Amino acid sequence: MAKGELIGRRGKDTVTIPIPQIDIPRFRYGSKQSGGVGQGEGEAGDPLDQGEAEGGSGQAGSEEGEHILEVEVSLEELAEIMAEELELPNLQEKGADKTVSTKDRFVGIRKTGPESLRHFKRTYKEALKRQIATGTYNPKMPVIIPVREDRRYRSWKTEEVHEANAVILYMMDVSGSMGDEQKEIVRLASFWIDTWLKSQYKGVERVFIIHDAVAREVDEETFFHTRESGGTMISSAYSLADQIIAERYRPEEWNIYCFHFSDGDNWSSDDTKKCITLLEERLLPSNNAFCYGQVHSPYGSGQFLKDLRDDIGEDDRLIMTEIPDREGIMDAIRTFLGKGR
């Protein structure tokens, strides 16, 4: 178990927001020239150690340290913080006339109903009027005793409430060039995107797609913890996303957001052309926003982003950005969601 944290400011104070996470241990091979167990001088039975520690250098400091407060905040508060920091506009909902739920609303008073809904003030007034009308009311001793006929109850009406729901499709390249650091950037970006969209819509569903040369739909745990391997065919993810939208999320009824993260290393120019065709003819017309975030990797060529910019870079339905490192996550989200779609 490990604990990541987000650093921010509240007035003059610096605050840290703890985010628990799990680091999966892995074996890593060291350099062949560094020696190891069973190598070098020594006798059987000698203990293995890390050598003698060297003494530190420098003197005790006299400057005041930075004091950081650890605070607990809700996701709603995080969404407000992000909206204020990134100046995000409210999103434009669509399909609200199609997605319907029911809600009970008190609309009047009736003479029958459950005791839990008895209206005390109206019952008192009815009893007072009855006693005045029958001459039993005594101003010097104003004791009001309601009878069964005096009781009044709140009445309700069930109404249809039109709501707008959203679905987020996360797509991630898990080929050999996408390592742990790249997936960590995707995880953090997805957390903030989730936080914002959940603050904007009553219901949010999420779909997770991973791809190398083949794409498949997975759960959230698999999405963030799949080991990287294989080649890359980005069109496989776009085809699967289009199929899922067509089968489960009608664009007339859902606000659809697609986020694809990759290092931009695609198998061939022919597959890139297929991706562009899928975007232009299928995905862009059905999405509120289709966002492509290219995560920097020392092993990826980054060519896919260049091809998208050359072929459909003028289409404002496609939002593209580069994410060089963790510091670039918030700038990417500002680019993705800053137009309020």
C-alpha atoms as a PDB file:
ATOM      1  CA  MET A   1       0.000   0.000   0.000  1.00  0.00           C
ATOM      2  CA  ALA A   2       1.259   3.455  -0.893  1.00  0.00           C
ATOM      3  CA  LYS A   3      -0.137   6.951  -0.591  1.00  0.00           C
ATOM      4  CA  GLY A   4       0.018   9.478  -3.354  1.00  0.00           C
ATOM      5  CA  GLU A   5      -0.984  13.057  -2.761  1.00  0.00           C
ATOM      6  CA  LEU A   6      -2.178  16.152  -4.512  1.00  0.00           C
ATOM      7  CA  ILE A   7      -0.664  19.462  -3.409  1.00  0.00           C
ATOM      8  CA  GLY A   8      -2.675  22.660  -3.524  1.00  0.00           C
ATOM      9  CA  ARG A   9      -3.330  25.892  -1.661  1.00  0.00           C
ATOM     10  CA  ARG A  10      -6.170  27.091   0.541  1.00  0.00           C
ATOM     11  CA  GLY A  11      -5.655  30.780   1.154  1.00  0.00           C
ATOM     12  CA  LYS A  12      -2.122  31.168   2.486  1.00  0.00           C
ATOM     13  CA  ASP A  13      -1.910  27.508   3.546  1.00  0.00           C
ATOM     14  CA  THR A  14      -0.456  24.683   1.499  1.00  0.00           C
ATOM     15  CA  VAL A  15      -2.619  21.560   1.708  1.00  0.00           C
ATOM     16  CA  THR A  16      -2.097  17.978   0.650  1.00  0.00           C
ATOM     17  CA  ILE A  17      -4.949  15.654  -0.298  1.00  0.00           C
ATOM     18  CA  PRO A  18      -4.021  11.982   0.305  1.00  0.00           C
ATOM     19  CA  ILE A  19      -4.925   9.483  -2.430  1.00  0.00           C
ATOM     20  CA  PRO A  20      -4.379   5.819  -1.457  1.00  0.00           C
ATOM     21  CA  GLN A  21      -3.061   3.465  -4.117  1.00  0.00           C
ATOM     22  CA  ILE A  22      -1.498   0.042  -4.490  1.00  0.00           C
ATOM     23  CA  ASP A  23       2.000  -0.432  -5.900  1.00  0.00           C
ATOM     24  CA  ILE A  24       2.489  -3.900  -7.369  1.00  0.00           C
ATOM     25  CA  PRO A  25       6.025  -5.234  -6.624  1.00  0.00           C
ATOM     26  CA  ARG A  26       7.995  -6.551  -9.581  1.00  0.00           C
ATOM     27  CA  PHE A  27      11.419  -8.115 -10.075  1.00  0.00           C
ATOM     28  CA  ARG A  28      13.809  -6.011 -12.135  1.00  0.00           C
ATOM     29  CA  TYR A  29      17.159  -7.132 -13.496  1.00  0.00           C
ATOM     30  CA  GLY A  30      20.193  -5.054 -12.602  1.00  0.00           C
ATOM     31  CA  SER A  31      23.273  -4.362 -14.666  1.00  0.00           C
ATOM     32  CA  LYS A  32      25.380  -7.403 -15.502  1.00  0.00           C
ATOM     33  CA  GLN A  33      28.531  -5.504 -14.540  1.00  0.00           C
ATOM     34  CA  SER A  34      27.385  -4.643 -11.043  1.00  0.00           C
ATOM     35  CA  GLY A  35      28.136  -8.000  -9.463  1.00  0.00           C
ATOM     36  CA  GLY A  36      25.706  -9.841  -7.237  1.00  0.00           C
ATOM     37  CA  VAL A  37      25.052 -12.678  -4.846  1.00  0.00           C
ATOM     38  CA  GLY A  38      27.685 -15.394  -5.201  1.00  0.00           C
ATOM     39  CA  GLN A  39      30.119 -13.158  -7.085  1.00  0.00           C
ATOM     40  CA  GLY A  40      33.339 -11.485  -5.954  1.00  0.00           C
ATOM     41  CA  GLU A  41      35.565 -12.154  -3.004  1.00  0.00           C
ATOM     42  CA  GLY A  42      34.358 -13.852   0.130  1.00  0.00           C
ATOM     43  CA  GLU A  43      34.141 -17.116   2.045  1.00  0.00           C
ATOM     44  CA  ALA A  44      31.238 -19.487   2.529  1.00  0.00           C
ATOM     45  CA  GLY A  45      29.079 -18.294   5.400  1.00  0.00           C
ATOM     46  CA  ASP A  46      30.032 -14.604   5.145  1.00  0.00           C
ATOM     47  CA  PRO A  47      26.967 -12.360   5.725  1.00  0.00           C
ATOM     48  CA  LEU A  48      25.570 -10.358   2.842  1.00  0.00           C
ATOM     49  CA  ASP A  49      25.249  -6.629   3.541  1.00  0.00           C
ATOM     50  CA  GLN A  50      25.099  -3.317   1.745  1.00  0.00           C
ATOM     51  CA  GLY A  51      28.501  -2.124   2.941  1.00  0.00           C
ATOM     52  CA  GLU A  52      29.306   0.480   5.518  1.00  0.00           C
ATOM     53  CA  ALA A  53      27.244   3.629   5.538  1.00  0.00           C
ATOM     54  CA  GLU A  54      29.083   6.840   4.944  1.00  0.00           C
ATOM     55  CA  GLY A  55      28.595   9.807   7.233  1.00  0.00           C
ATOM     56  CA  GLY A  56      26.491  12.677   5.982  1.00  0.00           C
ATOM     57  CA  SER A  57      27.869  16.101   5.307  1.00  0.00           C
ATOM     58  CA  GLY A  58      26.562  19.552   6.066  1.00  0.00           C
ATOM     59  CA  GLN A  59      25.274  21.338   9.151  1.00  0.00           C
ATOM     60  CA  ALA A  60      21.931  21.611  10.878  1.00  0.00           C
ATOM     61  CA  GLY A  61      19.703  24.154   9.158  1.00  0.00           C
ATOM     62  CA  SER A  62      18.311  27.278  10.800  1.00  0.00           C
ATOM     63  CA  GLU A  63      15.593  28.218   8.289  1.00  0.00           C
ATOM     64  CA  GLU A  64      11.896  27.665   8.905  1.00  0.00           C
ATOM     65  CA  GLY A  65      10.472  24.652   7.117  1.00  0.00           C
ATOM     66  CA  GLU A  66       7.351  24.550   4.953  1.00  0.00           C
ATOM     67  CA  HIS A  67       4.271  23.584   6.941  1.00  0.00           C
ATOM     68  CA  ILE A  68       1.752  21.500   5.016  1.00  0.00           C
ATOM     69  CA  LEU A  69      -1.757  20.721   6.250  1.00  0.00           C
ATOM     70  CA  GLU A  70      -3.310  17.375   5.380  1.00  0.00           C
ATOM     71  CA  VAL A  71      -7.021  17.753   4.688  1.00  0.00           C
ATOM     72  CA  GLU A  72      -9.874  15.469   3.713  1.00  0.00           C
ATOM     73  CA  VAL A  73     -12.173  16.749   0.961  1.00  0.00           C
ATOM     74  CA  SER A  74     -15.156  15.268  -0.850  1.00  0.00           C
ATOM     75  CA  LEU A  75     -15.253  14.634  -4.588  1.00  0.00           C
ATOM     76  CA  GLU A  76     -17.755  17.474  -4.913  1.00  0.00           C
ATOM     77  CA  GLU A  77     -15.263  19.843  -3.319  1.00  0.00           C
ATOM     78  CA  LEU A  78     -12.503  18.522  -5.559  1.00  0.00           C
ATOM     79  CA  ALA A  79     -14.688  19.238  -8.595  1.00  0.00           C
ATOM     80  CA  GLU A  80     -15.243  22.803  -7.380  1.00  0.00           C
ATOM     81  CA  ILE A  81     -11.509  23.257  -6.768  1.00  0.00           C
ATOM     82  CA  MET A  82     -10.693  21.974 -10.257  1.00  0.00           C
ATOM     83  CA  ALA A  83     -13.374  24.119 -11.902  1.00  0.00           C
ATOM     84  CA  GLU A  84     -12.064  27.219 -10.152  1.00  0.00           C
ATOM     85  CA  GLU A  85      -8.425  26.449 -10.853  1.00  0.00           C
ATOM     86  CA  LEU A  86      -8.895  25.511 -14.521  1.00  0.00           C
ATOM     87  CA  GLU A  87     -11.820  27.922 -15.156  1.00  0.00           C
ATOM     88  CA  LEU A  88     -13.943  25.103 -16.554  1.00  0.00           C
ATOM     89  CA  PRO A  89     -17.398  26.078 -17.862  1.00  0.00           C
ATOM     90  CA  ASN A  90     -20.491  23.989 -17.179  1.00  0.00           C
ATOM     91  CA  LEU A  91     -21.047  21.324 -19.803  1.00  0.00           C
ATOM     92  CA  GLN A  92     -23.833  21.532 -22.362  1.00  0.00           C
ATOM     93  CA  GLU A  93     -26.226  18.671 -21.712  1.00  0.00           C
ATOM     94  CA  LYS A  94     -28.112  16.930 -24.477  1.00  0.00           C
ATOM     95  CA  GLY A  95     -30.684  14.180 -24.478  1.00  0.00           C
ATOM     96  CA  ALA A  96     -32.374  15.431 -21.314  1.00  0.00           C
ATOM     97  CA  ASP A  97     -35.813  14.985 -22.888  1.00  0.00           C
ATOM     98  CA  LYS A  98     -35.107  11.285 -23.414  1.00  0.00           C
ATOM     99  CA  THR A  99     -33.698  10.172 -20.064  1.00  0.00           C
ATOM    100  CA  VAL A 100     -36.527  10.207 -17.513  1.00  0.00           C
ATOM    101  CA  SER A 101     -36.811   9.365 -13.805  1.00  0.00           C
ATOM    102  CA  THR A 102     -39.633   9.912 -11.309  1.00  0.00           C
ATOM    103  CA  LYS A 103     -39.826  12.192  -8.292  1.00  0.00           C
ATOM    104  CA  ASP A 104     -42.510  12.684  -5.629  1.00  0.00           C
ATOM    105  CA  ARG A 105     -43.536  16.281  -4.849  1.00  0.00           C
ATOM    106  CA  PHE A 106     -45.972  17.575  -2.219  1.00  0.00           C
ATOM    107  CA  VAL A 107     -48.675  19.528  -4.011  1.00  0.00           C
ATOM    108  CA  GLY A 108     -51.640  19.944  -1.652  1.00  0.00           C
ATOM    109  CA  ILE A 109     -53.738  18.865   1.353  1.00  0.00           C
ATOM    110  CA  ARG A 110     -56.222  15.982   1.635  1.00  0.00           C
ATOM    111  CA  LYS A 111     -58.480  14.596   4.365  1.00  0.00           C
ATOM    112  CA  THR A 112     -56.970  11.104   4.350  1.00  0.00           C
ATOM    113  CA  GLY A 113     -53.456   9.815   4.451  1.00  0.00           C
ATOM    114  CA  PRO A 114     -50.785   8.195   6.629  1.00  0.00           C
ATOM    115  CA  GLU A 115     -50.137   9.694  10.060  1.00  0.00           C
ATOM    116  CA  SER A 116     -46.544  10.374   9.058  1.00  0.00           C
ATOM    117  CA  LEU A 117     -47.842  12.979   6.599  1.00  0.00           C
ATOM    118  CA  ARG A 118     -50.301  14.670   8.927  1.00  0.00           C
ATOM    119  CA  HIS A 119     -50.147  18.461   8.546  1.00  0.00           C
ATOM    120  CA  PHE A 120     -50.167  19.787  12.136  1.00  0.00           C
ATOM    121  CA  LYS A 121     -50.910  23.441  11.334  1.00  0.00           C
ATOM    122  CA  ARG A 122     -53.802  22.700   8.976  1.00  0.00           C
ATOM    123  CA  THR A 123     -55.235  20.156  11.411  1.00  0.00           C
ATOM    124  CA  TYR A 124     -55.107  22.738  14.229  1.00  0.00           C
ATOM    125  CA  LYS A 125     -56.845  25.351  12.074  1.00  0.00           C
ATOM    126  CA  GLU A 126     -59.657  22.952  11.135  1.00  0.00           C
ATOM    127  CA  ALA A 127     -60.194  22.058  14.793  1.00  0.00           C
ATOM    128  CA  LEU A 128     -60.219  25.761  15.749  1.00  0.00           C
ATOM    129  CA  LYS A 129     -62.777  26.621  13.060  1.00  0.00           C
ATOM    130  CA  ARG A 130     -65.011  23.740  14.123  1.00  0.00           C
ATOM    131  CA  GLN A 131     -64.968  24.761  17.789  1.00  0.00           C
ATOM    132  CA  ILE A 132     -65.692  28.423  16.941  1.00  0.00           C
ATOM    133  CA  ALA A 133     -68.551  27.417  14.640  1.00  0.00           C
ATOM    134  CA  THR A 134     -70.131  25.134  17.260  1.00  0.00           C
ATOM    135  CA  GLY A 135     -69.617  27.643  20.106  1.00  0.00           C
ATOM    136  CA  THR A 136     -67.368  25.354  22.134  1.00  0.00           C
ATOM    137  CA  TYR A 137     -64.286  27.584  21.847  1.00  0.00           C
ATOM    138  CA  ASN A 138     -63.394  29.294  25.140  1.00  0.00           C
ATOM    139  CA  PRO A 139     -60.961  32.254  24.665  1.00  0.00           C
ATOM    140  CA  LYS A 140     -60.121  32.201  28.391  1.00  0.00           C
ATOM    141  CA  MET A 141     -59.099  28.547  28.162  1.00  0.00           C
ATOM    142  CA  PRO A 142     -58.151  27.966  24.507  1.00  0.00           C
ATOM    143  CA  VAL A 143     -57.801  24.206  24.487  1.00  0.00           C
ATOM    144  CA  ILE A 144     -57.995  22.861  20.935  1.00  0.00           C
ATOM    145  CA  ILE A 145     -58.598  19.118  20.613  1.00  0.00           C
ATOM    146  CA  PRO A 146     -58.750  17.842  17.018  1.00  0.00           C
ATOM    147  CA  VAL A 147     -61.112  15.014  16.156  1.00  0.00           C
ATOM    148  CA  ARG A 148     -60.923  12.643  13.246  1.00  0.00           C
ATOM    149  CA  GLU A 149     -62.773  15.011  10.873  1.00  0.00           C
ATOM    150  CA  ASP A 150     -60.260  17.804  11.562  1.00  0.00           C
ATOM    151  CA  ARG A 151     -57.184  15.918  10.446  1.00  0.00           C
ATOM    152  CA  ARG A 152     -55.467  17.041   7.247  1.00  0.00           C
ATOM    153  CA  TYR A 153     -52.646  15.300   5.407  1.00  0.00           C
ATOM    154  CA  ARG A 154     -50.094  16.316   2.826  1.00  0.00           C
ATOM    155  CA  SER A 155     -50.804  14.983  -0.657  1.00  0.00           C
ATOM    156  CA  TRP A 156     -48.129  14.247  -3.235  1.00  0.00           C
ATOM    157  CA  LYS A 157     -47.810  13.867  -6.935  1.00  0.00           C
ATOM    158  CA  THR A 158     -45.355  11.680  -8.834  1.00  0.00           C
ATOM    159  CA  GLU A 159     -43.750  13.630 -11.634  1.00  0.00           C
ATOM    160  CA  GLU A 160     -41.393  12.712 -14.417  1.00  0.00           C
ATOM    161  CA  VAL A 161     -38.020  14.406 -14.109  1.00  0.00           C
ATOM    162  CA  HIS A 162     -35.886  14.787 -17.228  1.00  0.00           C
ATOM    163  CA  GLU A 163     -32.236  14.095 -16.568  1.00  0.00           C
ATOM    164  CA  ALA A 164     -29.131  14.002 -18.689  1.00  0.00           C
ATOM    165  CA  ASN A 165     -26.752  11.083 -18.285  1.00  0.00           C
ATOM    166  CA  ALA A 166     -23.259  10.653 -19.618  1.00  0.00           C
ATOM    167  CA  VAL A 167     -20.985   7.796 -20.589  1.00  0.00           C
ATOM    168  CA  ILE A 168     -17.196   8.028 -20.625  1.00  0.00           C
ATOM    169  CA  LEU A 169     -15.222   5.661 -22.834  1.00  0.00           C
ATOM    170  CA  TYR A 170     -11.595   5.398 -21.753  1.00  0.00           C
ATOM    171  CA  MET A 171      -9.238   3.854 -24.291  1.00  0.00           C
ATOM    172  CA  MET A 172      -5.601   3.147 -23.490  1.00  0.00           C
ATOM    173  CA  ASP A 173      -2.712   1.804 -25.509  1.00  0.00           C
ATOM    174  CA  VAL A 174      -1.085  -1.035 -23.537  1.00  0.00           C
ATOM    175  CA  SER A 175       1.517  -1.968 -26.107  1.00  0.00           C
ATOM    176  CA  GLY A 176       5.158  -2.522 -25.219  1.00  0.00           C
ATOM    177  CA  SER A 177       6.048   1.166 -25.360  1.00  0.00           C
ATOM    178  CA  MET A 178       3.510   2.176 -22.680  1.00  0.00           C
ATOM    179  CA  GLY A 179       5.187   1.631 -19.316  1.00  0.00           C
ATOM    180  CA  ASP A 180       4.190   2.097 -15.681  1.00  0.00           C
ATOM    181  CA  GLU A 181       4.792   5.849 -15.670  1.00  0.00           C
ATOM    182  CA  GLN A 182       2.609   6.364 -18.743  1.00  0.00           C
ATOM    183  CA  LYS A 183      -0.226   4.329 -17.209  1.00  0.00           C
ATOM    184  CA  GLU A 184       0.077   6.288 -13.966  1.00  0.00           C
ATOM    185  CA  ILE A 185      -0.421   9.505 -15.931  1.00  0.00           C
ATOM    186  CA  VAL A 186      -3.531   7.997 -17.534  1.00  0.00           C
ATOM    187  CA  ARG A 187      -4.850   6.912 -14.118  1.00  0.00           C
ATOM    188  CA  LEU A 188      -4.460  10.384 -12.622  1.00  0.00           C
ATOM    189  CA  ALA A 189      -5.984  12.079 -15.658  1.00  0.00           C
ATOM    190  CA  SER A 190      -8.943   9.678 -15.586  1.00  0.00           C
ATOM    191  CA  PHE A 191      -9.522  10.371 -11.885  1.00  0.00           C
ATOM    192  CA  TRP A 192      -9.845  14.123 -12.476  1.00  0.00           C
ATOM    193  CA  ILE A 193     -11.977  13.665 -15.597  1.00  0.00           C
ATOM    194  CA  ASP A 194     -14.306  11.362 -13.638  1.00  0.00           C
ATOM    195  CA  THR A 195     -14.521  13.866 -10.797  1.00  0.00           C
ATOM    196  CA  TRP A 196     -15.537  16.711 -13.098  1.00  0.00           C
ATOM    197  CA  LEU A 197     -18.054  14.804 -15.224  1.00  0.00           C
ATOM    198  CA  LYS A 198     -19.749  13.278 -12.169  1.00  0.00           C
ATOM    199  CA  SER A 199     -20.271  16.797 -10.827  1.00  0.00           C
ATOM    200  CA  GLN A 200     -22.012  17.762 -14.084  1.00  0.00           C
ATOM    201  CA  TYR A 201     -24.334  14.797 -14.671  1.00  0.00           C
ATOM    202  CA  LYS A 202     -26.812  12.896 -12.544  1.00  0.00           C
ATOM    203  CA  GLY A 203     -25.568   9.532 -13.751  1.00  0.00           C
ATOM    204  CA  VAL A 204     -22.204   8.667 -15.283  1.00  0.00           C
ATOM    205  CA  GLU A 205     -21.298   5.289 -16.740  1.00  0.00           C
ATOM    206  CA  ARG A 206     -17.760   4.319 -17.641  1.00  0.00           C
ATOM    207  CA  VAL A 207     -16.427   1.947 -20.276  1.00  0.00           C
ATOM    208  CA  PHE A 208     -12.789   0.815 -20.278  1.00  0.00           C
ATOM    209  CA  ILE A 209     -11.023  -0.360 -23.431  1.00  0.00           C
ATOM    210  CA  ILE A 210      -7.415  -1.506 -23.696  1.00  0.00           C
ATOM    211  CA  HIS A 211      -5.638  -2.237 -26.927  1.00  0.00           C
ATOM    212  CA  ASP A 212      -2.369  -3.308 -28.412  1.00  0.00           C
ATOM    213  CA  ALA A 213      -2.846  -4.982 -31.789  1.00  0.00           C
ATOM    214  CA  VAL A 214      -6.320  -6.077 -30.587  1.00  0.00           C
ATOM    215  CA  ALA A 215      -8.844  -4.170 -28.450  1.00  0.00           C
ATOM    216  CA  ARG A 216     -11.084  -5.523 -25.710  1.00  0.00           C
ATOM    217  CA  GLU A 217     -13.444  -4.125 -23.102  1.00  0.00           C
ATOM    218  CA  VAL A 218     -12.270  -4.684 -19.516  1.00  0.00           C
ATOM    219  CA  ASP A 219     -13.107  -3.620 -15.973  1.00  0.00           C
ATOM    220  CA  GLU A 220     -11.420  -0.713 -14.211  1.00  0.00           C
ATOM    221  CA  GLU A 221      -8.939  -2.906 -12.296  1.00  0.00           C
ATOM    222  CA  THR A 222      -7.720  -4.579 -15.482  1.00  0.00           C
ATOM    223  CA  PHE A 223      -7.562  -1.246 -17.301  1.00  0.00           C
ATOM    224  CA  PHE A 224      -5.004   0.207 -14.910  1.00  0.00           C
ATOM    225  CA  HIS A 225      -3.006  -2.917 -14.108  1.00  0.00           C
ATOM    226  CA  THR A 226      -2.559  -4.744 -17.417  1.00  0.00           C
ATOM    227  CA  ARG A 227       1.077  -5.544 -18.213  1.00  0.00           C
ATOM    228  CA  GLU A 228       2.321  -3.886 -21.381  1.00  0.00           C
ATOM    229  CA  SER A 229       3.263  -5.976 -24.414  1.00  0.00           C
ATOM    230  CA  GLY A 230       2.622  -6.424 -28.122  1.00  0.00           C
ATOM    231  CA  GLY A 231       2.296  -4.120 -31.092  1.00  0.00           C
ATOM    232  CA  THR A 232      -0.224  -1.347 -31.711  1.00  0.00           C
ATOM    233  CA  MET A 233      -3.292  -1.057 -33.953  1.00  0.00           C
ATOM    234  CA  ILE A 234      -5.249   1.950 -32.760  1.00  0.00           C
ATOM    235  CA  SER A 235      -8.140   1.304 -35.151  1.00  0.00           C
ATOM    236  CA  SER A 236      -9.077  -1.785 -33.122  1.00  0.00           C
ATOM    237  CA  ALA A 237      -9.963   0.460 -30.144  1.00  0.00           C
ATOM    238  CA  TYR A 238     -11.896   2.944 -32.275  1.00  0.00           C
ATOM    239  CA  SER A 239     -13.887   0.152 -33.933  1.00  0.00           C
ATOM    240  CA  LEU A 240     -14.799  -1.366 -30.558  1.00  0.00           C
ATOM    241  CA  ALA A 241     -15.784   2.036 -29.152  1.00  0.00           C
ATOM    242  CA  ASP A 242     -18.050   2.649 -32.144  1.00  0.00           C
ATOM    243  CA  GLN A 243     -19.651  -0.773 -31.684  1.00  0.00           C
ATOM    244  CA  ILE A 244     -20.309  -0.187 -27.971  1.00  0.00           C
ATOM    245  CA  ILE A 245     -21.869   3.220 -28.629  1.00  0.00           C
ATOM    246  CA  ALA A 246     -24.117   1.828 -31.378  1.00  0.00           C
ATOM    247  CA  GLU A 247     -25.314  -1.074 -29.215  1.00  0.00           C
ATOM    248  CA  ARG A 248     -25.682   0.573 -25.774  1.00  0.00           C
ATOM    249  CA  TYR A 249     -25.587   4.367 -25.911  1.00  0.00           C
ATOM    250  CA  ARG A 250     -27.741   6.179 -28.426  1.00  0.00           C
ATOM    251  CA  PRO A 251     -26.231   9.605 -29.111  1.00  0.00           C
ATOM    252  CA  GLU A 252     -29.718  11.172 -28.950  1.00  0.00           C
ATOM    253  CA  GLU A 253     -30.081  10.046 -25.339  1.00  0.00           C
ATOM    254  CA  TRP A 254     -26.548  10.100 -23.951  1.00  0.00           C
ATOM    255  CA  ASN A 255     -23.769  12.617 -23.544  1.00  0.00           C
ATOM    256  CA  ILE A 256     -20.800  10.664 -24.872  1.00  0.00           C
ATOM    257  CA  TYR A 257     -17.170  11.433 -24.083  1.00  0.00           C
ATOM    258  CA  CYS A 258     -14.263   9.423 -25.490  1.00  0.00           C
ATOM    259  CA  PHE A 259     -10.746   9.737 -24.098  1.00  0.00           C
ATOM    260  CA  HIS A 260      -7.926   7.901 -25.843  1.00  0.00           C
ATOM    261  CA  PHE A 261      -4.424   7.794 -24.374  1.00  0.00           C
ATOM    262  CA  SER A 262      -1.449   6.514 -26.334  1.00  0.00           C
ATOM    263  CA  ASP A 263       2.205   7.259 -26.998  1.00  0.00           C
ATOM    264  CA  GLY A 264       1.364   7.802 -30.676  1.00  0.00           C
ATOM    265  CA  ASP A 265       3.173   4.764 -32.028  1.00  0.00           C
ATOM    266  CA  ASN A 266       0.790   3.060 -34.498  1.00  0.00           C
ATOM    267  CA  TRP A 267       1.462  -0.059 -36.560  1.00  0.00           C
ATOM    268  CA  SER A 268       1.149   1.462 -40.031  1.00  0.00           C
ATOM    269  CA  SER A 269      -0.016   4.472 -42.000  1.00  0.00           C
ATOM    270  CA  ASP A 270      -2.859   2.352 -43.379  1.00  0.00           C
ATOM    271  CA  ASP A 271      -4.187   1.751 -39.882  1.00  0.00           C
ATOM    272  CA  THR A 272      -3.906   5.468 -39.137  1.00  0.00           C
ATOM    273  CA  LYS A 273      -6.029   6.186 -42.250  1.00  0.00           C
ATOM    274  CA  LYS A 274      -8.612   3.720 -40.951  1.00  0.00           C
ATOM    275  CA  CYS A 275      -8.640   5.564 -37.617  1.00  0.00           C
ATOM    276  CA  ILE A 276      -9.222   8.874 -39.371  1.00  0.00           C
ATOM    277  CA  THR A 277     -12.129   7.415 -41.344  1.00  0.00           C
ATOM    278  CA  LEU A 278     -13.714   6.031 -38.160  1.00  0.00           C
ATOM    279  CA  LEU A 279     -13.328   9.393 -36.460  1.00  0.00           C
ATOM    280  CA  GLU A 280     -14.780  11.452 -39.288  1.00  0.00           C
ATOM    281  CA  GLU A 281     -17.685   9.165 -40.185  1.00  0.00           C
ATOM    282  CA  ARG A 282     -18.646   7.529 -36.878  1.00  0.00           C
ATOM    283  CA  LEU A 283     -17.115   8.772 -33.631  1.00  0.00           C
ATOM    284  CA  LEU A 284     -16.958  12.551 -34.004  1.00  0.00           C
ATOM    285  CA  PRO A 285     -20.638  12.918 -35.049  1.00  0.00           C
ATOM    286  CA  SER A 286     -21.827  10.885 -32.040  1.00  0.00           C
ATOM    287  CA  ASN A 287     -19.596  12.387 -29.313  1.00  0.00           C
ATOM    288  CA  ASN A 288     -19.878  15.525 -27.219  1.00  0.00           C
ATOM    289  CA  ALA A 289     -16.100  15.477 -27.332  1.00  0.00           C
ATOM    290  CA  PHE A 290     -13.493  13.036 -28.595  1.00  0.00           C
ATOM    291  CA  CYS A 291     -10.240  13.686 -26.758  1.00  0.00           C
ATOM    292  CA  TYR A 292      -6.846  12.277 -27.660  1.00  0.00           C
ATOM    293  CA  GLY A 293      -4.033  12.615 -25.136  1.00  0.00           C
ATOM    294  CA  GLN A 294      -0.574  11.612 -26.312  1.00  0.00           C
ATOM    295  CA  VAL A 295       1.570  10.562 -23.367  1.00  0.00           C
ATOM    296  CA  HIS A 296       5.281  10.994 -23.816  1.00  0.00           C
ATOM    297  CA  SER A 297       7.217   7.722 -23.892  1.00  0.00           C
ATOM    298  CA  PRO A 298      10.913   7.228 -24.652  1.00  0.00           C
ATOM    299  CA  TYR A 299       9.921   4.295 -26.869  1.00  0.00           C
ATOM    300  CA  GLY A 300       6.992   5.803 -28.807  1.00  0.00           C
ATOM    301  CA  SER A 301       7.378   7.691 -32.084  1.00  0.00           C
ATOM    302  CA  GLY A 302       4.561  10.173 -31.435  1.00  0.00           C
ATOM    303  CA  GLN A 303       3.606  10.058 -35.115  1.00  0.00           C
ATOM    304  CA  PHE A 304      -0.129   9.492 -34.572  1.00  0.00           C
ATOM    305  CA  LEU A 305      -0.731  12.977 -33.167  1.00  0.00           C
ATOM    306  CA  LYS A 306       1.117  14.527 -36.105  1.00  0.00           C
ATOM    307  CA  ASP A 307      -1.050  12.571 -38.558  1.00  0.00           C
ATOM    308  CA  LEU A 308      -4.270  13.601 -36.810  1.00  0.00           C
ATOM    309  CA  ARG A 309      -3.254  17.254 -36.882  1.00  0.00           C
ATOM    310  CA  ASP A 310      -2.356  17.050 -40.567  1.00  0.00           C
ATOM    311  CA  ASP A 311      -5.565  15.288 -41.671  1.00  0.00           C
ATOM    312  CA  ILE A 312      -8.364  16.505 -39.347  1.00  0.00           C
ATOM    313  CA  GLY A 313      -6.708  19.059 -37.125  1.00  0.00           C
ATOM    314  CA  GLU A 314      -9.181  21.747 -38.227  1.00  0.00           C
ATOM    315  CA  ASP A 315     -12.185  19.772 -36.966  1.00  0.00           C
ATOM    316  CA  ASP A 316     -13.006  21.287 -33.570  1.00  0.00           C
ATOM    317  CA  ARG A 317     -14.909  18.137 -32.565  1.00  0.00           C
ATOM    318  CA  LEU A 318     -11.528  16.435 -32.081  1.00  0.00           C
ATOM    319  CA  ILE A 319      -9.526  17.746 -29.123  1.00  0.00           C
ATOM    320  CA  MET A 320      -5.847  16.815 -29.024  1.00  0.00           C
ATOM    321  CA  THR A 321      -3.043  17.500 -26.597  1.00  0.00           C
ATOM    322  CA  GLU A 322       0.328  16.200 -25.496  1.00  0.00           C
ATOM    323  CA  ILE A 323       1.015  15.100 -21.914  1.00  0.00           C
ATOM    324  CA  PRO A 324       4.785  15.181 -21.358  1.00  0.00           C
ATOM    325  CA  ASP A 325       4.636  14.174 -17.676  1.00  0.00           C
ATOM    326  CA  ARG A 326       2.438  14.345 -14.571  1.00  0.00           C
ATOM    327  CA  GLU A 327       2.753  18.113 -14.450  1.00  0.00           C
ATOM    328  CA  GLY A 328       0.973  18.276 -17.802  1.00  0.00           C
ATOM    329  CA  ILE A 329      -2.182  16.471 -16.644  1.00  0.00           C
ATOM    330  CA  MET A 330      -4.109  19.575 -15.575  1.00  0.00           C
ATOM    331  CA  ASP A 331      -3.217  21.426 -18.771  1.00  0.00           C
ATOM    332  CA  ALA A 332      -4.537  18.441 -20.735  1.00  0.00           C
ATOM    333  CA  ILE A 333      -7.832  18.439 -18.816  1.00  0.00           C
ATOM    334  CA  ARG A 334      -8.175  22.186 -19.376  1.00  0.00           C
ATOM    335  CA  THR A 335      -7.757  21.521 -23.097  1.00  0.00           C
ATOM    336  CA  PHE A 336     -10.211  18.596 -23.072  1.00  0.00           C
ATOM    337  CA  LEU A 337     -13.030  20.146 -21.049  1.00  0.00           C
ATOM    338  CA  GLY A 338     -12.401  23.867 -21.303  1.00  0.00           C
ATOM    339  CA  LYS A 339     -14.925  24.408 -24.111  1.00  0.00           C
ATOM    340  CA  GLY A 340     -17.874  23.137 -22.063  1.00  0.00           C
ATOM    341  CA  ARG A 341     -19.208  20.546 -24.497  1.00  0.00           C
END
